[in-house]
Amino acid sequence: MRLILKWLLSALALLAVTYLYSGVQVASFGSALIAAAVIGLLNMVVRPVLVVLTLPVTVVTLGLFLFVINALMFWSASGLLGGFNVTGFGAALIGSLIYSLLGLLIEAALGGLFQRR
């Protein structure tokens, strides 16, 4: 149940990014659902490999390079999907920052909602 709720809220967060920033466009809620799933899969499979490969750069930049990796995952998802469009790398960076902040809010809300007593 938690996974489905997080997926739906992530899709809504992606739609919120389109309203907050014009560099990211999502065609419909269905496209947002697919894009949220693809971003989640890329973050689960590809992102750890990139983090390990770029560890020296990440250490030198004091972790700021992780923002670049997040933007690459966001931009890659837009390249794989038709109904999800990011206008460039700068838009991917800003869009991924907004999406990550909304994701933190979702995690905080779900953490309190599904907390075991």
Foldseek 3Di string as FASTA:
>chain_A
DLVVVLLLLLLVLLVVLVVVDVQKFAQDSVSSSVLSVQLVVCCVPVLVVVCVVCVVVCVVVVNPCSLQSLLVSSQVSQVVDDRIGGNDSVSSSVSSVSSVVSSVVSCVVSCVVPPDD
